[in-house]
PDB file of N, CA and C in Angstrom:
ATOM      1  N   MET A   1       8.944   3.666  -3.515  1.00  0.00           N
ATOM      2  CA  MET A   1       8.057   3.110  -4.497  1.00  0.00           C
ATOM      3  C   MET A   1       6.816   3.968  -4.678  1.00  0.00           C
ATOM      4  N   GLU A   2       6.540   4.864  -3.755  1.00  0.00           N
ATOM      5  CA  GLU A   2       5.323   5.659  -3.855  1.00  0.00           C
ATOM      6  C   GLU A   2       5.414   6.753  -4.907  1.00  0.00           C
ATOM      7  N   HIS A   3       6.604   7.241  -5.204  1.00  0.00           N
ATOM      8  CA  HIS A   3       6.730   8.329  -6.181  1.00  0.00           C
ATOM      9  C   HIS A   3       6.157   7.968  -7.549  1.00  0.00           C
ATOM     10  N   PRO A   4       6.510   6.818  -8.128  1.00  0.00           N
ATOM     11  CA  PRO A   4       5.914   6.482  -9.439  1.00  0.00           C
ATOM     12  C   PRO A   4       4.405   6.399  -9.392  1.00  0.00           C
ATOM     13  N   PHE A   5       3.858   5.831  -8.332  1.00  0.00           N
ATOM     14  CA  PHE A   5       2.409   5.704  -8.245  1.00  0.00           C
ATOM     15  C   PHE A   5       1.739   7.076  -8.111  1.00  0.00           C
ATOM     16  N   GLY A   6       2.342   7.952  -7.325  1.00  0.00           N
ATOM     17  CA  GLY A   6       1.804   9.297  -7.187  1.00  0.00           C
ATOM     18  C   GLY A   6       1.841  10.050  -8.499  1.00  0.00           C
ATOM     19  N   THR A   7       2.933   9.898  -9.234  1.00  0.00           N
ATOM     20  CA  THR A   7       3.065  10.567 -10.532  1.00  0.00           C
ATOM     21  C   THR A   7       2.031  10.033 -11.513  1.00  0.00           C
ATOM     22  N   LEU A   8       1.907   8.712 -11.569  1.00  0.00           N
ATOM     23  CA  LEU A   8       0.929   8.114 -12.486  1.00  0.00           C
ATOM     24  C   LEU A   8      -0.487   8.541 -12.120  1.00  0.00           C
ATOM     25  N   LYS A   9      -0.777   8.588 -10.845  1.00  0.00           N
ATOM     26  CA  LYS A   9      -2.117   8.994 -10.402  1.00  0.00           C
ATOM     27  C   LYS A   9      -2.394  10.434 -10.814  1.00  0.00           C
ATOM     28  N   ALA A  10      -1.404  11.309 -10.680  1.00  0.00           N
ATOM     29  CA  ALA A  10      -1.569  12.704 -11.087  1.00  0.00           C
ATOM     30  C   ALA A  10      -1.790  12.818 -12.592  1.00  0.00           C
ATOM     31  N   TRP A  11      -1.018  12.049 -13.373  1.00  0.00           N
ATOM     32  CA  TRP A  11      -1.198  12.052 -14.834  1.00  0.00           C
ATOM     33  C   TRP A  11      -2.597  11.622 -15.224  1.00  0.00           C
ATOM     34  N   MET A  12      -3.149  10.675 -14.475  1.00  0.00           N
ATOM     35  CA  MET A  12      -4.472  10.145 -14.793  1.00  0.00           C
ATOM     36  C   MET A  12      -5.572  11.076 -14.296  1.00  0.00           C
ATOM     37  N   GLY A  13      -5.223  12.171 -13.677  1.00  0.00           N
ATOM     38  CA  GLY A  13      -6.211  13.095 -13.162  1.00  0.00           C
ATOM     39  C   GLY A  13      -6.668  12.730 -11.765  1.00  0.00           C
ATOM     40  N   ALA A  14      -5.947  11.787 -11.130  1.00  0.00           N
ATOM     41  CA  ALA A  14      -6.227  11.361  -9.744  1.00  0.00           C
ATOM     42  C   ALA A  14      -7.669  10.925  -9.571  1.00  0.00           C
ATOM     43  N   THR A  15      -8.240  10.351 -10.628  1.00  0.00           N
ATOM     44  CA  THR A  15      -9.621   9.877 -10.494  1.00  0.00           C
ATOM     45  C   THR A  15      -9.714   8.432 -10.947  1.00  0.00           C
ATOM     46  N   HIS A  16     -10.512   8.173 -11.941  1.00  0.00           N
ATOM     47  CA  HIS A  16     -10.791   6.812 -12.385  1.00  0.00           C
ATOM     48  C   HIS A  16     -10.132   6.556 -13.736  1.00  0.00           C
ATOM     49  N   PHE A  17     -10.121   5.283 -14.111  1.00  0.00           N
ATOM     50  CA  PHE A  17      -9.654   4.932 -15.435  1.00  0.00           C
ATOM     51  C   PHE A  17     -10.709   5.360 -16.463  1.00  0.00           C
ATOM     52  N   ALA A  18     -10.262   5.652 -17.678  1.00  0.00           N
ATOM     53  CA  ALA A  18     -11.183   6.062 -18.737  1.00  0.00           C
ATOM     54  C   ALA A  18     -11.974   4.873 -19.277  1.00  0.00           C
ATOM     55  N   THR A  19     -11.427   3.674 -19.091  1.00  0.00           N
ATOM     56  CA  THR A  19     -12.082   2.472 -19.572  1.00  0.00           C
ATOM     57  C   THR A  19     -12.657   1.683 -18.401  1.00  0.00           C
ATOM     58  N   LYS A  20     -13.454   0.651 -18.690  1.00  0.00           N
ATOM     59  CA  LYS A  20     -14.139  -0.073 -17.621  1.00  0.00           C
ATOM     60  C   LYS A  20     -13.732  -1.529 -17.510  1.00  0.00           C
ATOM     61  N   ARG A  21     -13.624  -2.230 -18.617  1.00  0.00           N
ATOM     62  CA  ARG A  21     -13.312  -3.659 -18.543  1.00  0.00           C
ATOM     63  C   ARG A  21     -11.855  -3.893 -18.145  1.00  0.00           C
ATOM     64  N   PHE A  22     -11.599  -5.017 -17.433  1.00  0.00           N
ATOM     65  CA  PHE A  22     -10.259  -5.276 -16.901  1.00  0.00           C
ATOM     66  C   PHE A  22      -9.198  -5.239 -17.996  1.00  0.00           C
ATOM     67  N   ARG A  23      -9.468  -5.847 -19.126  1.00  0.00           N
ATOM     68  CA  ARG A  23      -8.484  -5.871 -20.208  1.00  0.00           C
ATOM     69  C   ARG A  23      -8.139  -4.466 -20.657  1.00  0.00           C
ATOM     70  N   ASN A  24      -9.143  -3.619 -20.783  1.00  0.00           N
ATOM     71  CA  ASN A  24      -8.921  -2.242 -21.212  1.00  0.00           C
ATOM     72  C   ASN A  24      -8.212  -1.420 -20.136  1.00  0.00           C
ATOM     73  N   VAL A  25      -8.590  -1.643 -18.878  1.00  0.00           N
ATOM     74  CA  VAL A  25      -7.936  -0.932 -17.767  1.00  0.00           C
ATOM     75  C   VAL A  25      -6.470  -1.339 -17.712  1.00  0.00           C
ATOM     76  N   SER A  26      -6.216  -2.627 -17.904  1.00  0.00           N
ATOM     77  CA  SER A  26      -4.846  -3.122 -17.897  1.00  0.00           C
ATOM     78  C   SER A  26      -4.019  -2.463 -18.995  1.00  0.00           C
ATOM     79  N   THR A  27      -4.599  -2.344 -20.180  1.00  0.00           N
ATOM     80  CA  THR A  27      -3.915  -1.691 -21.287  1.00  0.00           C
ATOM     81  C   THR A  27      -3.667  -0.231 -20.991  1.00  0.00           C
ATOM     82  N   GLU A  28      -4.664   0.441 -20.452  1.00  0.00           N
ATOM     83  CA  GLU A  28      -4.533   1.871 -20.109  1.00  0.00           C
ATOM     84  C   GLU A  28      -3.420   2.083 -19.084  1.00  0.00           C
ATOM     85  N   MET A  29      -3.386   1.241 -18.062  1.00  0.00           N
ATOM     86  CA  MET A  29      -2.350   1.380 -17.027  1.00  0.00           C
ATOM     87  C   MET A  29      -0.970   1.075 -17.617  1.00  0.00           C
ATOM     88  N   SER A  30      -0.900   0.091 -18.486  1.00  0.00           N
ATOM     89  CA  SER A  30       0.376  -0.242 -19.126  1.00  0.00           C
ATOM     90  C   SER A  30       0.920   0.935 -19.936  1.00  0.00           C
ATOM     91  N   LEU A  31       0.026   1.643 -20.633  1.00  0.00           N
ATOM     92  CA  LEU A  31       0.449   2.817 -21.397  1.00  0.00           C
ATOM     93  C   LEU A  31       0.950   3.933 -20.478  1.00  0.00           C
ATOM     94  N   HIS A  32       0.286   4.126 -19.348  1.00  0.00           N
ATOM     95  CA  HIS A  32       0.745   5.131 -18.371  1.00  0.00           C
ATOM     96  C   HIS A  32       2.137   4.762 -17.851  1.00  0.00           C
ATOM     97  N   VAL A  33       2.336   3.497 -17.530  1.00  0.00           N
ATOM     98  CA  VAL A  33       3.635   3.049 -17.011  1.00  0.00           C
ATOM     99  C   VAL A  33       4.716   3.176 -18.070  1.00  0.00           C
ATOM    100  N   LEU A  34       4.396   2.818 -19.312  1.00  0.00           N
ATOM    101  CA  LEU A  34       5.355   2.967 -20.406  1.00  0.00           C
ATOM    102  C   LEU A  34       5.767   4.424 -20.597  1.00  0.00           C
ATOM    103  N   ALA A  35       4.792   5.327 -20.578  1.00  0.00           N
ATOM    104  CA  ALA A  35       5.097   6.755 -20.722  1.00  0.00           C
ATOM    105  C   ALA A  35       5.963   7.246 -19.576  1.00  0.00           C
ATOM    106  N   TYR A  36       5.658   6.800 -18.352  1.00  0.00           N
ATOM    107  CA  TYR A  36       6.449   7.184 -17.177  1.00  0.00           C
ATOM    108  C   TYR A  36       7.897   6.721 -17.340  1.00  0.00           C
ATOM    109  N   ASN A  37       8.063   5.466 -17.732  1.00  0.00           N
ATOM    110  CA  ASN A  37       9.399   4.900 -17.896  1.00  0.00           C
ATOM    111  C   ASN A  37      10.177   5.589 -19.016  1.00  0.00           C
ATOM    112  N   MET A  38       9.499   5.893 -20.108  1.00  0.00           N
ATOM    113  CA  MET A  38      10.177   6.585 -21.213  1.00  0.00           C
ATOM    114  C   MET A  38      10.649   7.979 -20.795  1.00  0.00           C
ATOM    115  N   LYS A  39       9.819   8.691 -20.065  1.00  0.00           N
ATOM    116  CA  LYS A  39      10.211  10.032 -19.593  1.00  0.00           C
ATOM    117  C   LYS A  39      11.410   9.939 -18.649  1.00  0.00           C
ATOM    118  N   ARG A  40      11.440   8.912 -17.798  1.00  0.00           N
ATOM    119  CA  ARG A  40      12.573   8.740 -16.875  1.00  0.00           C
ATOM    120  C   ARG A  40      13.859   8.436 -17.649  1.00  0.00           C
ATOM    121  N   VAL A  41      13.774   7.541 -18.632  1.00  0.00           N
ATOM    122  CA  VAL A  41      14.957   7.187 -19.409  1.00  0.00           C
ATOM    123  C   VAL A  41      15.481   8.409 -20.157  1.00  0.00           C
ATOM    124  N   ILE A  42      14.593   9.185 -20.743  1.00  0.00           N
ATOM    125  CA  ILE A  42      14.999  10.392 -21.456  1.00  0.00           C
ATOM    126  C   ILE A  42      15.684  11.369 -20.511  1.00  0.00           C
ATOM    127  N   LYS A  43      15.143  11.504 -19.313  1.00  0.00           N
ATOM    128  CA  LYS A  43      15.730  12.435 -18.344  1.00  0.00           C
ATOM    129  C   LYS A  43      17.097  11.954 -17.857  1.00  0.00           C
ATOM    130  N   ILE A  44      17.255  10.640 -17.676  1.00  0.00           N
ATOM    131  CA  ILE A  44      18.503  10.085 -17.163  1.00  0.00           C
ATOM    132  C   ILE A  44      19.589  10.048 -18.243  1.00  0.00           C
ATOM    133  N   LEU A  45      19.251   9.509 -19.402  1.00  0.00           N
ATOM    134  CA  LEU A  45      20.272   9.324 -20.460  1.00  0.00           C
ATOM    135  C   LEU A  45      20.378  10.497 -21.417  1.00  0.00           C
ATOM    136  N   GLY A  46      19.283  11.172 -21.646  1.00  0.00           N
ATOM    137  CA  GLY A  46      19.270  12.250 -22.610  1.00  0.00           C
ATOM    138  C   GLY A  46      18.842  11.731 -23.984  1.00  0.00           C
ATOM    139  N   VAL A  47      18.288  12.612 -24.767  1.00  0.00           N
ATOM    140  CA  VAL A  47      17.756  12.234 -26.074  1.00  0.00           C
ATOM    141  C   VAL A  47      18.861  11.736 -27.000  1.00  0.00           C
ATOM    142  N   ASN A  48      20.014  12.391 -26.999  1.00  0.00           N
ATOM    143  CA  ASN A  48      21.091  11.991 -27.903  1.00  0.00           C
ATOM    144  C   ASN A  48      21.544  10.572 -27.649  1.00  0.00           C
ATOM    145  N   GLU A  49      21.704  10.201 -26.393  1.00  0.00           N
ATOM    146  CA  GLU A  49      22.142   8.831 -26.059  1.00  0.00           C
ATOM    147  C   GLU A  49      21.099   7.799 -26.457  1.00  0.00           C
ATOM    148  N   ILE A  50      19.834   8.107 -26.271  1.00  0.00           N
ATOM    149  CA  ILE A  50      18.770   7.194 -26.664  1.00  0.00           C
ATOM    150  C   ILE A  50      18.747   7.017 -28.169  1.00  0.00           C
ATOM    151  N   MET A  51      18.893   8.109 -28.908  1.00  0.00           N
ATOM    152  CA  MET A  51      18.904   8.018 -30.365  1.00  0.00           C
ATOM    153  C   MET A  51      20.117   7.217 -30.849  1.00  0.00           C
ATOM    154  N   ARG A  52      21.255   7.412 -30.218  1.00  0.00           N
ATOM    155  CA  ARG A  52      22.460   6.654 -30.586  1.00  0.00           C
ATOM    156  C   ARG A  52      22.237   5.165 -30.332  1.00  0.00           C
ATOM    157  N   ALA A  53      21.659   4.814 -29.212  1.00  0.00           N
ATOM    158  CA  ALA A  53      21.395   3.415 -28.880  1.00  0.00           C
ATOM    159  C   ALA A  53      20.358   2.809 -29.832  1.00  0.00           C
ATOM    160  N   ALA A  54      19.393   3.610 -30.236  1.00  0.00           N
ATOM    161  CA  ALA A  54      18.337   3.104 -31.142  1.00  0.00           C
ATOM    162  C   ALA A  54      18.926   2.799 -32.527  1.00  0.00           C
ATOM    163  N   ARG A  55      19.918   3.552 -32.937  1.00  0.00           N
ATOM    164  CA  ARG A  55      20.532   3.331 -34.247  1.00  0.00           C
ATOM    165  C   ARG A  55      21.469   2.133 -34.250  1.00  0.00           C
ATOM    166  N   ALA A  56      21.958   1.751 -33.085  1.00  0.00           N
ATOM    167  CA  ALA A  56      22.931   0.635 -32.977  1.00  0.00           C
ATOM    168  C   ALA A  56      22.300  -0.702 -33.227  1.00  0.00           C
TER     169      ALA A  56
END
């Protein structure tokens, strides 16, 4: 479970969130997690498979 958190932390610059309020921090973290998951899906399935599934 540590790999995703380490990756996300590195993407964020291993420092602080760019926003301050909880709602904004929550949104920022959600976007980081979404980007991480999208990159993983693309790597596992490949772009062609994702595009085929999106058209279905």
